[in-house]
């Protein structure tokens, strides 16, 4: 289960010492290495995003990852609050490649 966090933490320091930006593509996880990247796929829709782990948590129930507001919005779970996801660790290079591909796709849609 993934949940999200945002406004109450925006501007505060994360576990790695950076300032939390609720609109960034980041997440909190209890054990994955800080600064690692993961692909998060919403089980019900198959939609995937890539986030960087920069914080620790979640510490509620059966939740395994806490997405930033921006990440949760892109995945479509803001209104639900939480949803089932699949989490796959990926390399920094793979994350950069996916983000570049997504940027190119957005640019083509704007044309």
PDB file of N, CA and C in Angstrom:
ATOM      1  N   UNK A   1       0.837  -1.190   0.000  1.00  0.00           N
ATOM      2  CA  UNK A   1       0.000   0.000   0.000  1.00  0.00           C
ATOM      3  C   UNK A   1       0.874   1.242   0.000  1.00  0.00           C
ATOM      4  N   UNK A   2       0.498   2.178  -0.838  1.00  0.00           N
ATOM      5  CA  UNK A   2       1.157   3.475  -0.887  1.00  0.00           C
ATOM      6  C   UNK A   2       0.189   4.527  -0.376  1.00  0.00           C
ATOM      7  N   UNK A   3       0.731   5.503   0.315  1.00  0.00           N
ATOM      8  CA  UNK A   3      -0.036   6.668   0.732  1.00  0.00           C
ATOM      9  C   UNK A   3       0.758   7.893   0.285  1.00  0.00           C
ATOM     10  N   UNK A   4       0.306   9.074   0.672  1.00  0.00           N
ATOM     11  CA  UNK A   4       1.036  10.273   0.282  1.00  0.00           C
ATOM     12  C   UNK A   4       1.047  11.277   1.422  1.00  0.00           C
ATOM     13  N   UNK A   5       2.015  12.179   1.348  1.00  0.00           N
ATOM     14  CA  UNK A   5       2.095  13.275   2.319  1.00  0.00           C
ATOM     15  C   UNK A   5       2.475  14.551   1.600  1.00  0.00           C
ATOM     16  N   UNK A   6       2.074  15.676   2.150  1.00  0.00           N
ATOM     17  CA  UNK A   6       2.296  16.909   1.432  1.00  0.00           C
ATOM     18  C   UNK A   6       2.326  18.157   2.272  1.00  0.00           C
ATOM     19  N   UNK A   7       1.230  18.945   2.247  1.00  0.00           N
ATOM     20  CA  UNK A   7       1.229  20.292   2.794  1.00  0.00           C
ATOM     21  C   UNK A   7       1.813  20.444   4.202  1.00  0.00           C
ATOM     22  N   UNK A   8       1.514  19.555   5.105  1.00  0.00           N
ATOM     23  CA  UNK A   8       2.013  19.669   6.472  1.00  0.00           C
ATOM     24  C   UNK A   8       3.514  19.502   6.599  1.00  0.00           C
ATOM     25  N   UNK A   9       4.144  18.930   5.588  1.00  0.00           N
ATOM     26  CA  UNK A   9       5.584  18.675   5.622  1.00  0.00           C
ATOM     27  C   UNK A   9       6.362  19.557   4.649  1.00  0.00           C
ATOM     28  N   UNK A  10       5.654  20.250   3.756  1.00  0.00           N
ATOM     29  CA  UNK A  10       6.305  21.085   2.735  1.00  0.00           C
ATOM     30  C   UNK A  10       7.224  22.109   3.402  1.00  0.00           C
ATOM     31  N   UNK A  11       8.476  22.136   2.968  1.00  0.00           N
ATOM     32  CA  UNK A  11       9.448  23.072   3.515  1.00  0.00           C
ATOM     33  C   UNK A  11      10.241  22.555   4.699  1.00  0.00           C
ATOM     34  N   UNK A  12       9.864  21.408   5.245  1.00  0.00           N
ATOM     35  CA  UNK A  12      10.604  20.819   6.359  1.00  0.00           C
ATOM     36  C   UNK A  12      11.739  19.960   5.822  1.00  0.00           C
ATOM     37  N   UNK A  13      12.666  19.616   6.684  1.00  0.00           N
ATOM     38  CA  UNK A  13      13.788  18.770   6.251  1.00  0.00           C
ATOM     39  C   UNK A  13      13.369  17.306   6.203  1.00  0.00           C
ATOM     40  N   UNK A  14      13.887  16.604   5.186  1.00  0.00           N
ATOM     41  CA  UNK A  14      13.657  15.172   5.049  1.00  0.00           C
ATOM     42  C   UNK A  14      14.787  14.415   5.746  1.00  0.00           C
ATOM     43  N   UNK A  15      14.708  13.103   5.741  1.00  0.00           N
ATOM     44  CA  UNK A  15      15.721  12.274   6.396  1.00  0.00           C
ATOM     45  C   UNK A  15      17.112  12.465   5.810  1.00  0.00           C
ATOM     46  N   UNK A  16      17.198  12.849   4.543  1.00  0.00           N
ATOM     47  CA  UNK A  16      18.528  13.041   3.948  1.00  0.00           C
ATOM     48  C   UNK A  16      19.007  14.487   4.085  1.00  0.00           C
ATOM     49  N   UNK A  17      18.224  15.338   4.753  1.00  0.00           N
ATOM     50  CA  UNK A  17      18.643  16.705   5.022  1.00  0.00           C
ATOM     51  C   UNK A  17      18.178  17.738   4.019  1.00  0.00           C
ATOM     52  N   UNK A  18      17.579  17.312   2.906  1.00  0.00           N
ATOM     53  CA  UNK A  18      17.091  18.293   1.943  1.00  0.00           C
ATOM     54  C   UNK A  18      15.716  18.791   2.372  1.00  0.00           C
ATOM     55  N   UNK A  19      15.325  19.904   1.815  1.00  0.00           N
ATOM     56  CA  UNK A  19      14.020  20.478   2.126  1.00  0.00           C
ATOM     57  C   UNK A  19      12.957  19.744   1.313  1.00  0.00           C
ATOM     58  N   UNK A  20      11.897  19.324   1.993  1.00  0.00           N
ATOM     59  CA  UNK A  20      10.820  18.589   1.329  1.00  0.00           C
ATOM     60  C   UNK A  20      10.021  19.513   0.419  1.00  0.00           C
ATOM     61  N   UNK A  21       9.877  19.096  -0.824  1.00  0.00           N
ATOM     62  CA  UNK A  21       9.066  19.799  -1.810  1.00  0.00           C
ATOM     63  C   UNK A  21       7.925  18.863  -2.172  1.00  0.00           C
ATOM     64  N   UNK A  22       6.723  19.192  -1.767  1.00  0.00           N
ATOM     65  CA  UNK A  22       5.581  18.307  -1.998  1.00  0.00           C
ATOM     66  C   UNK A  22       5.278  18.078  -3.471  1.00  0.00           C
ATOM     67  N   UNK A  23       5.817  18.915  -4.343  1.00  0.00           N
ATOM     68  CA  UNK A  23       5.563  18.771  -5.779  1.00  0.00           C
ATOM     69  C   UNK A  23       6.627  17.965  -6.508  1.00  0.00           C
ATOM     70  N   UNK A  24       7.709  17.618  -5.824  1.00  0.00           N
ATOM     71  CA  UNK A  24       8.792  16.842  -6.431  1.00  0.00           C
ATOM     72  C   UNK A  24       8.395  15.369  -6.528  1.00  0.00           C
ATOM     73  N   UNK A  25       9.104  14.638  -7.359  1.00  0.00           N
ATOM     74  CA  UNK A  25       8.840  13.205  -7.534  1.00  0.00           C
ATOM     75  C   UNK A  25       9.719  12.431  -6.545  1.00  0.00           C
ATOM     76  N   UNK A  26       9.299  12.448  -5.273  1.00  0.00           N
ATOM     77  CA  UNK A  26      10.059  11.808  -4.204  1.00  0.00           C
ATOM     78  C   UNK A  26       9.135  10.943  -3.363  1.00  0.00           C
ATOM     79  N   UNK A  27       9.757  10.188  -2.441  1.00  0.00           N
ATOM     80  CA  UNK A  27       8.981   9.310  -1.580  1.00  0.00           C
ATOM     81  C   UNK A  27       9.754   8.976  -0.315  1.00  0.00           C
ATOM     82  N   UNK A  28       9.012   8.482   0.663  1.00  0.00           N
ATOM     83  CA  UNK A  28       9.595   7.994   1.908  1.00  0.00           C
ATOM     84  C   UNK A  28       9.422   6.476   1.961  1.00  0.00           C
ATOM     85  N   UNK A  29      10.455   5.795   2.434  1.00  0.00           N
ATOM     86  CA  UNK A  29      10.415   4.340   2.593  1.00  0.00           C
ATOM     87  C   UNK A  29      11.200   3.991   3.852  1.00  0.00           C
ATOM     88  N   UNK A  30      10.796   2.933   4.529  1.00  0.00           N
ATOM     89  CA  UNK A  30      11.456   2.573   5.792  1.00  0.00           C
ATOM     90  C   UNK A  30      12.867   2.036   5.614  1.00  0.00           C
ATOM     91  N   UNK A  31      13.103   1.253   4.549  1.00  0.00           N
ATOM     92  CA  UNK A  31      14.386   0.557   4.438  1.00  0.00           C
ATOM     93  C   UNK A  31      15.179   0.808   3.160  1.00  0.00           C
ATOM     94  N   UNK A  32      14.554   1.200   2.083  1.00  0.00           N
ATOM     95  CA  UNK A  32      15.310   1.416   0.844  1.00  0.00           C
ATOM     96  C   UNK A  32      16.342   2.519   1.059  1.00  0.00           C
ATOM     97  N   UNK A  33      17.493   2.415   0.412  1.00  0.00           N
ATOM     98  CA  UNK A  33      18.532   3.426   0.604  1.00  0.00           C
ATOM     99  C   UNK A  33      18.083   4.826   0.183  1.00  0.00           C
ATOM    100  N   UNK A  34      18.448   5.793   1.010  1.00  0.00           N
ATOM    101  CA  UNK A  34      18.192   7.196   0.670  1.00  0.00           C
ATOM    102  C   UNK A  34      18.902   7.492  -0.654  1.00  0.00           C
ATOM    103  N   UNK A  35      18.261   8.244  -1.506  1.00  0.00           N
ATOM    104  CA  UNK A  35      18.726   8.630  -2.844  1.00  0.00           C
ATOM    105  C   UNK A  35      18.608   7.515  -3.879  1.00  0.00           C
ATOM    106  N   UNK A  36      18.012   6.379  -3.513  1.00  0.00           N
ATOM    107  CA  UNK A  36      17.773   5.340  -4.517  1.00  0.00           C
ATOM    108  C   UNK A  36      16.489   5.682  -5.274  1.00  0.00           C
ATOM    109  N   UNK A  37      16.310   5.033  -6.414  1.00  0.00           N
ATOM    110  CA  UNK A  37      15.150   5.272  -7.272  1.00  0.00           C
ATOM    111  C   UNK A  37      14.298   4.020  -7.349  1.00  0.00           C
ATOM    112  N   UNK A  38      12.988   4.225  -7.425  1.00  0.00           N
ATOM    113  CA  UNK A  38      12.063   3.108  -7.579  1.00  0.00           C
ATOM    114  C   UNK A  38      10.987   3.467  -8.587  1.00  0.00           C
ATOM    115  N   UNK A  39      10.523   2.447  -9.289  1.00  0.00           N
ATOM    116  CA  UNK A  39       9.356   2.592 -10.157  1.00  0.00           C
ATOM    117  C   UNK A  39       8.167   2.136  -9.314  1.00  0.00           C
ATOM    118  N   UNK A  40       7.175   2.981  -9.219  1.00  0.00           N
ATOM    119  CA  UNK A  40       5.967   2.677  -8.458  1.00  0.00           C
ATOM    120  C   UNK A  40       4.832   2.525  -9.459  1.00  0.00           C
ATOM    121  N   UNK A  41       4.208   1.356  -9.467  1.00  0.00           N
ATOM    122  CA  UNK A  41       3.120   1.077 -10.398  1.00  0.00           C
ATOM    123  C   UNK A  41       1.826   0.878  -9.626  1.00  0.00           C
ATOM    124  N   UNK A  42       0.817   1.635  -9.966  1.00  0.00           N
ATOM    125  CA  UNK A  42      -0.498   1.477  -9.343  1.00  0.00           C
ATOM    126  C   UNK A  42      -1.128   0.204  -9.908  1.00  0.00           C
ATOM    127  N   UNK A  43      -1.423  -0.731  -9.045  1.00  0.00           N
ATOM    128  CA  UNK A  43      -1.904  -2.046  -9.466  1.00  0.00           C
ATOM    129  C   UNK A  43      -3.212  -1.947 -10.252  1.00  0.00           C
ATOM    130  N   UNK A  44      -4.136  -1.110  -9.805  1.00  0.00           N
ATOM    131  CA  UNK A  44      -5.458  -1.048 -10.432  1.00  0.00           C
ATOM    132  C   UNK A  44      -5.457  -0.450 -11.837  1.00  0.00           C
ATOM    133  N   UNK A  45      -4.447   0.363 -12.159  1.00  0.00           N
ATOM    134  CA  UNK A  45      -4.443   1.026 -13.470  1.00  0.00           C
ATOM    135  C   UNK A  45      -3.239   0.678 -14.336  1.00  0.00           C
ATOM    136  N   UNK A  46      -2.175   0.178 -13.725  1.00  0.00           N
ATOM    137  CA  UNK A  46      -0.947  -0.108 -14.461  1.00  0.00           C
ATOM    138  C   UNK A  46      -0.096   1.130 -14.695  1.00  0.00           C
ATOM    139  N   UNK A  47      -0.539   2.302 -14.244  1.00  0.00           N
ATOM    140  CA  UNK A  47       0.231   3.541 -14.415  1.00  0.00           C
ATOM    141  C   UNK A  47       1.459   3.503 -13.518  1.00  0.00           C
ATOM    142  N   UNK A  48       2.613   3.923 -14.082  1.00  0.00           N
ATOM    143  CA  UNK A  48       3.879   3.912 -13.351  1.00  0.00           C
ATOM    144  C   UNK A  48       4.515   5.287 -13.309  1.00  0.00           C
ATOM    145  N   UNK A  49       5.244   5.542 -12.223  1.00  0.00           N
ATOM    146  CA  UNK A  49       6.054   6.742 -12.068  1.00  0.00           C
ATOM    147  C   UNK A  49       7.393   6.331 -11.481  1.00  0.00           C
ATOM    148  N   UNK A  50       8.370   7.211 -11.584  1.00  0.00           N
ATOM    149  CA  UNK A  50       9.672   6.984 -10.962  1.00  0.00           C
ATOM    150  C   UNK A  50       9.865   8.045  -9.893  1.00  0.00           C
ATOM    151  N   UNK A  51      10.248   7.596  -8.689  1.00  0.00           N
ATOM    152  CA  UNK A  51      10.497   8.520  -7.588  1.00  0.00           C
ATOM    153  C   UNK A  51      11.858   8.242  -6.974  1.00  0.00           C
ATOM    154  N   UNK A  52      12.390   9.267  -6.314  1.00  0.00           N
ATOM    155  CA  UNK A  52      13.652   9.129  -5.581  1.00  0.00           C
ATOM    156  C   UNK A  52      13.317   9.071  -4.103  1.00  0.00           C
ATOM    157  N   UNK A  53      13.911   8.127  -3.391  1.00  0.00           N
ATOM    158  CA  UNK A  53      13.697   7.999  -1.961  1.00  0.00           C
ATOM    159  C   UNK A  53      14.545   9.064  -1.257  1.00  0.00           C
ATOM    160  N   UNK A  54      13.882   9.950  -0.518  1.00  0.00           N
ATOM    161  CA  UNK A  54      14.625  10.987   0.204  1.00  0.00           C
ATOM    162  C   UNK A  54      14.178  11.151   1.651  1.00  0.00           C
ATOM    163  N   UNK A  55      13.318  10.236   2.113  1.00  0.00           N
ATOM    164  CA  UNK A  55      12.790  10.358   3.467  1.00  0.00           C
ATOM    165  C   UNK A  55      12.476   8.983   4.034  1.00  0.00           C
ATOM    166  N   UNK A  56      12.172   8.915   5.311  1.00  0.00           N
ATOM    167  CA  UNK A  56      11.814   7.673   5.984  1.00  0.00           C
ATOM    168  C   UNK A  56      10.337   7.677   6.340  1.00  0.00           C
ATOM    169  N   UNK A  57       9.735   6.517   6.290  1.00  0.00           N
ATOM    170  CA  UNK A  57       8.316   6.351   6.567  1.00  0.00           C
ATOM    171  C   UNK A  57       7.758   5.394   5.530  1.00  0.00           C
ATOM    172  N   UNK A  58       6.501   5.178   5.474  1.00  0.00           N
ATOM    173  CA  UNK A  58       5.459   5.643   6.383  1.00  0.00           C
ATOM    174  C   UNK A  58       5.440   4.796   7.658  1.00  0.00           C
ATOM    175  N   UNK A  59       4.840   5.330   8.676  1.00  0.00           N
ATOM    176  CA  UNK A  59       4.790   4.647   9.959  1.00  0.00           C
ATOM    177  C   UNK A  59       3.347   4.414  10.385  1.00  0.00           C
ATOM    178  N   UNK A  60       2.504   4.097   9.398  1.00  0.00           N
ATOM    179  CA  UNK A  60       1.081   3.867   9.637  1.00  0.00           C
ATOM    180  C   UNK A  60       0.659   2.553   8.995  1.00  0.00           C
ATOM    181  N   UNK A  61       0.067   1.669   9.773  1.00  0.00           N
ATOM    182  CA  UNK A  61      -0.530   0.445   9.254  1.00  0.00           C
ATOM    183  C   UNK A  61       0.336  -0.360   8.309  1.00  0.00           C
ATOM    184  N   UNK A  62      -0.273  -0.819   7.218  1.00  0.00           N
ATOM    185  CA  UNK A  62       0.398  -1.707   6.258  1.00  0.00           C
ATOM    186  C   UNK A  62       1.008  -0.948   5.083  1.00  0.00           C
ATOM    187  N   UNK A  63       1.195   0.341   5.204  1.00  0.00           N
ATOM    188  CA  UNK A  63       1.739   1.137   4.105  1.00  0.00           C
ATOM    189  C   UNK A  63       3.242   0.941   4.009  1.00  0.00           C
ATOM    190  N   UNK A  64       3.730   0.808   2.774  1.00  0.00           N
ATOM    191  CA  UNK A  64       5.164   0.548   2.568  1.00  0.00           C
ATOM    192  C   UNK A  64       5.897   1.725   1.941  1.00  0.00           C
ATOM    193  N   UNK A  65       5.166   2.653   1.322  1.00  0.00           N
ATOM    194  CA  UNK A  65       5.803   3.815   0.714  1.00  0.00           C
ATOM    195  C   UNK A  65       4.869   5.005   0.857  1.00  0.00           C
ATOM    196  N   UNK A  66       5.461   6.159   1.148  1.00  0.00           N
ATOM    197  CA  UNK A  66       4.732   7.409   1.268  1.00  0.00           C
ATOM    198  C   UNK A  66       5.200   8.311   0.133  1.00  0.00           C
ATOM    199  N   UNK A  67       4.342   8.549  -0.820  1.00  0.00           N
ATOM    200  CA  UNK A  67       4.683   9.370  -1.982  1.00  0.00           C
ATOM    201  C   UNK A  67       4.511  10.853  -1.669  1.00  0.00           C
ATOM    202  N   UNK A  68       5.294  11.689  -2.329  1.00  0.00           N
ATOM    203  CA  UNK A  68       5.049  13.123  -2.254  1.00  0.00           C
ATOM    204  C   UNK A  68       3.686  13.398  -2.888  1.00  0.00           C
ATOM    205  N   UNK A  69       3.125  14.548  -2.566  1.00  0.00           N
ATOM    206  CA  UNK A  69       1.847  14.926  -3.159  1.00  0.00           C
ATOM    207  C   UNK A  69       1.927  14.895  -4.685  1.00  0.00           C
ATOM    208  N   UNK A  70       3.011  15.459  -5.238  1.00  0.00           N
ATOM    209  CA  UNK A  70       3.173  15.506  -6.691  1.00  0.00           C
ATOM    210  C   UNK A  70       3.215  14.122  -7.318  1.00  0.00           C
ATOM    211  N   UNK A  71       3.915  13.207  -6.672  1.00  0.00           N
ATOM    212  CA  UNK A  71       3.996  11.834  -7.179  1.00  0.00           C
ATOM    213  C   UNK A  71       2.637  11.150  -7.086  1.00  0.00           C
ATOM    214  N   UNK A  72       1.951  11.330  -5.959  1.00  0.00           N
ATOM    215  CA  UNK A  72       0.626  10.722  -5.782  1.00  0.00           C
ATOM    216  C   UNK A  72      -0.373  11.275  -6.787  1.00  0.00           C
ATOM    217  N   UNK A  73      -0.251  12.569  -7.082  1.00  0.00           N
ATOM    218  CA  UNK A  73      -1.150  13.187  -8.060  1.00  0.00           C
ATOM    219  C   UNK A  73      -0.935  12.577  -9.442  1.00  0.00           C
ATOM    220  N   UNK A  74       0.326  12.408  -9.836  1.00  0.00           N
ATOM    221  CA  UNK A  74       0.626  11.819 -11.151  1.00  0.00           C
ATOM    222  C   UNK A  74       0.165  10.371 -11.234  1.00  0.00           C
ATOM    223  N   UNK A  75       0.192   9.682 -10.098  1.00  0.00           N
ATOM    224  CA  UNK A  75      -0.238   8.284 -10.075  1.00  0.00           C
ATOM    225  C   UNK A  75      -1.765   8.171  -9.951  1.00  0.00           C
ATOM    226  N   UNK A  76      -2.408   9.259  -9.563  1.00  0.00           N
ATOM    227  CA  UNK A  76      -3.873   9.277  -9.469  1.00  0.00           C
ATOM    228  C   UNK A  76      -4.429   8.774  -8.158  1.00  0.00           C
ATOM    229  N   UNK A  77      -3.675   8.892  -7.063  1.00  0.00           N
ATOM    230  CA  UNK A  77      -4.192   8.377  -5.787  1.00  0.00           C
ATOM    231  C   UNK A  77      -4.460   9.462  -4.745  1.00  0.00           C
ATOM    232  N   UNK A  78      -4.348  10.725  -5.109  1.00  0.00           N
ATOM    233  CA  UNK A  78      -4.546  11.789  -4.119  1.00  0.00           C
ATOM    234  C   UNK A  78      -5.930  11.699  -3.484  1.00  0.00           C
ATOM    235  N   UNK A  79      -6.959  11.600  -4.287  1.00  0.00           N
ATOM    236  CA  UNK A  79      -8.326  11.593  -3.738  1.00  0.00           C
ATOM    237  C   UNK A  79      -8.621  10.332  -2.931  1.00  0.00           C
ATOM    238  N   UNK A  80      -7.989   9.224  -3.283  1.00  0.00           N
ATOM    239  CA  UNK A  80      -8.192   7.975  -2.543  1.00  0.00           C
ATOM    240  C   UNK A  80      -7.426   7.963  -1.225  1.00  0.00           C
ATOM    241  N   UNK A  81      -6.291   8.638  -1.190  1.00  0.00           N
ATOM    242  CA  UNK A  81      -5.464   8.653   0.008  1.00  0.00           C
ATOM    243  C   UNK A  81      -4.396   7.577   0.013  1.00  0.00           C
ATOM    244  N   UNK A  82      -4.763   6.392  -0.468  1.00  0.00           N
ATOM    245  CA  UNK A  82      -3.810   5.281  -0.566  1.00  0.00           C
ATOM    246  C   UNK A  82      -4.319   4.279  -1.587  1.00  0.00           C
ATOM    247  N   UNK A  83      -3.409   3.425  -2.062  1.00  0.00           N
ATOM    248  CA  UNK A  83      -3.808   2.394  -3.017  1.00  0.00           C
ATOM    249  C   UNK A  83      -2.709   1.339  -3.094  1.00  0.00           C
ATOM    250  N   UNK A  84      -3.053   0.202  -3.668  1.00  0.00           N
ATOM    251  CA  UNK A  84      -2.077  -0.876  -3.838  1.00  0.00           C
ATOM    252  C   UNK A  84      -1.110  -0.521  -4.960  1.00  0.00           C
ATOM    253  N   UNK A  85       0.183  -0.779  -4.711  1.00  0.00           N
ATOM    254  CA  UNK A  85       1.215  -0.498  -5.699  1.00  0.00           C
ATOM    255  C   UNK A  85       2.233  -1.628  -5.733  1.00  0.00           C
ATOM    256  N   UNK A  86       2.977  -1.659  -6.821  1.00  0.00           N
ATOM    257  CA  UNK A  86       4.131  -2.532  -6.969  1.00  0.00           C
ATOM    258  C   UNK A  86       5.345  -1.612  -6.975  1.00  0.00           C
ATOM    259  N   UNK A  87       6.389  -1.966  -6.223  1.00  0.00           N
ATOM    260  CA  UNK A  87       7.584  -1.140  -6.124  1.00  0.00           C
ATOM    261  C   UNK A  87       8.772  -1.924  -6.663  1.00  0.00           C
ATOM    262  N   UNK A  88       9.496  -1.316  -7.626  1.00  0.00           N
ATOM    263  CA  UNK A  88      10.671  -1.949  -8.221  1.00  0.00           C
ATOM    264  C   UNK A  88      11.864  -1.009  -8.130  1.00  0.00           C
ATOM    265  N   UNK A  89      12.916  -1.407  -7.406  1.00  0.00           N
ATOM    266  CA  UNK A  89      14.131  -0.580  -7.407  1.00  0.00           C
ATOM    267  C   UNK A  89      14.717  -0.522  -8.816  1.00  0.00           C
ATOM    268  N   UNK A  90      15.178   0.657  -9.227  1.00  0.00           N
ATOM    269  CA  UNK A  90      15.821   0.818 -10.529  1.00  0.00           C
ATOM    270  C   UNK A  90      17.091   1.648 -10.339  1.00  0.00           C
ATOM    271  N   UNK A  91      17.968   1.578 -11.316  1.00  0.00           N
ATOM    272  CA  UNK A  91      19.221   2.329 -11.244  1.00  0.00           C
ATOM    273  C   UNK A  91      18.974   3.808 -11.516  1.00  0.00           C
ATOM    274  N   UNK A  92      19.925   4.622 -11.102  1.00  0.00           N
ATOM    275  CA  UNK A  92      19.855   6.063 -11.364  1.00  0.00           C
ATOM    276  C   UNK A  92      19.812   6.317 -12.861  1.00  0.00           C
ATOM    277  N   UNK A  93      20.569   5.540 -13.624  1.00  0.00           N
ATOM    278  CA  UNK A  93      20.607   5.694 -15.081  1.00  0.00           C
ATOM    279  C   UNK A  93      19.256   5.348 -15.710  1.00  0.00           C
ATOM    280  N   UNK A  94      18.636   4.284 -15.240  1.00  0.00           N
ATOM    281  CA  UNK A  94      17.316   3.901 -15.754  1.00  0.00           C
ATOM    282  C   UNK A  94      16.287   4.973 -15.404  1.00  0.00           C
ATOM    283  N   UNK A  95      16.385   5.523 -14.201  1.00  0.00           N
ATOM    284  CA  UNK A  95      15.463   6.582 -13.788  1.00  0.00           C
ATOM    285  C   UNK A  95      15.611   7.799 -14.688  1.00  0.00           C
ATOM    286  N   UNK A  96      16.847   8.176 -14.973  1.00  0.00           N
ATOM    287  CA  UNK A  96      17.101   9.327 -15.846  1.00  0.00           C
ATOM    288  C   UNK A  96      16.552   9.060 -17.243  1.00  0.00           C
ATOM    289  N   UNK A  97      16.724   7.843 -17.748  1.00  0.00           N
ATOM    290  CA  UNK A  97      16.220   7.483 -19.065  1.00  0.00           C
ATOM    291  C   UNK A  97      14.709   7.563 -19.132  1.00  0.00           C
ATOM    292  N   UNK A  98      14.029   7.096 -18.085  1.00  0.00           N
ATOM    293  CA  UNK A  98      12.563   7.144 -18.066  1.00  0.00           C
ATOM    294  C   UNK A  98      12.068   8.581 -17.979  1.00  0.00           C
ATOM    295  N   UNK A  99      12.750   9.395 -17.200  1.00  0.00           N
ATOM    296  CA  UNK A  99      12.333  10.793 -17.082  1.00  0.00           C
ATOM    297  C   UNK A  99      12.559  11.543 -18.389  1.00  0.00           C
ATOM    298  N   UNK A 100      13.666  11.257 -19.075  1.00  0.00           N
ATOM    299  CA  UNK A 100      13.920  11.891 -20.372  1.00  0.00           C
ATOM    300  C   UNK A 100      12.861  11.481 -21.380  1.00  0.00           C
ATOM    301  N   UNK A 101      12.493  10.223 -21.380  1.00  0.00           N
ATOM    302  CA  UNK A 101      11.476   9.711 -22.291  1.00  0.00           C
ATOM    303  C   UNK A 101      10.128  10.384 -22.019  1.00  0.00           C
ATOM    304  N   UNK A 102       9.798  10.559 -20.751  1.00  0.00           N
ATOM    305  CA  UNK A 102       8.543  11.196 -20.373  1.00  0.00           C
ATOM    306  C   UNK A 102       8.530  12.659 -20.813  1.00  0.00           C
ATOM    307  N   UNK A 103       9.637  13.349 -20.658  1.00  0.00           N
ATOM    308  CA  UNK A 103       9.742  14.745 -21.076  1.00  0.00           C
ATOM    309  C   UNK A 103       9.549  14.868 -22.584  1.00  0.00           C
ATOM    310  N   UNK A 104      10.141  13.959 -23.358  1.00  0.00           N
ATOM    311  CA  UNK A 104       9.998  13.988 -24.805  1.00  0.00           C
ATOM    312  C   UNK A 104       8.555  13.723 -25.214  1.00  0.00           C
ATOM    313  N   UNK A 105       7.887  12.797 -24.514  1.00  0.00           N
ATOM    314  CA  UNK A 105       6.490  12.486 -24.813  1.00  0.00           C
ATOM    315  C   UNK A 105       5.610  13.706 -24.554  1.00  0.00           C
ATOM    316  N   UNK A 106       5.845  14.409 -23.446  1.00  0.00           N
ATOM    317  CA  UNK A 106       5.074  15.617 -23.138  1.00  0.00           C
ATOM    318  C   UNK A 106       5.289  16.682 -24.207  1.00  0.00           C
ATOM    319  N   UNK A 107       6.530  16.850 -24.665  1.00  0.00           N
ATOM    320  CA  UNK A 107       6.842  17.846 -25.684  1.00  0.00           C
ATOM    321  C   UNK A 107       6.106  17.535 -26.988  1.00  0.00           C
ATOM    322  N   UNK A 108       6.045  16.259 -27.363  1.00  0.00           N
ATOM    323  CA  UNK A 108       5.351  15.876 -28.591  1.00  0.00           C
ATOM    324  C   UNK A 108       3.858  16.157 -28.489  1.00  0.00           C
ATOM    325  N   UNK A 109       3.288  15.943 -27.306  1.00  0.00           N
ATOM    326  CA  UNK A 109       1.850  16.193 -27.123  1.00  0.00           C
ATOM    327  C   UNK A 109       1.524  17.677 -27.243  1.00  0.00           C
ATOM    328  N   UNK A 110       2.496  18.518 -26.894  1.00  0.00           N
ATOM    329  CA  UNK A 110       2.262  19.965 -26.942  1.00  0.00           C
ATOM    330  C   UNK A 110       2.309  20.496 -28.381  1.00  0.00           C
ATOM    331  N   UNK A 111       2.935  19.747 -29.293  1.00  0.00           N
ATOM    332  CA  UNK A 111       3.052  20.208 -30.683  1.00  0.00           C
ATOM    333  C   UNK A 111       1.770  20.088 -31.446  1.00  0.00           C
TER     334      UNK A 111
END
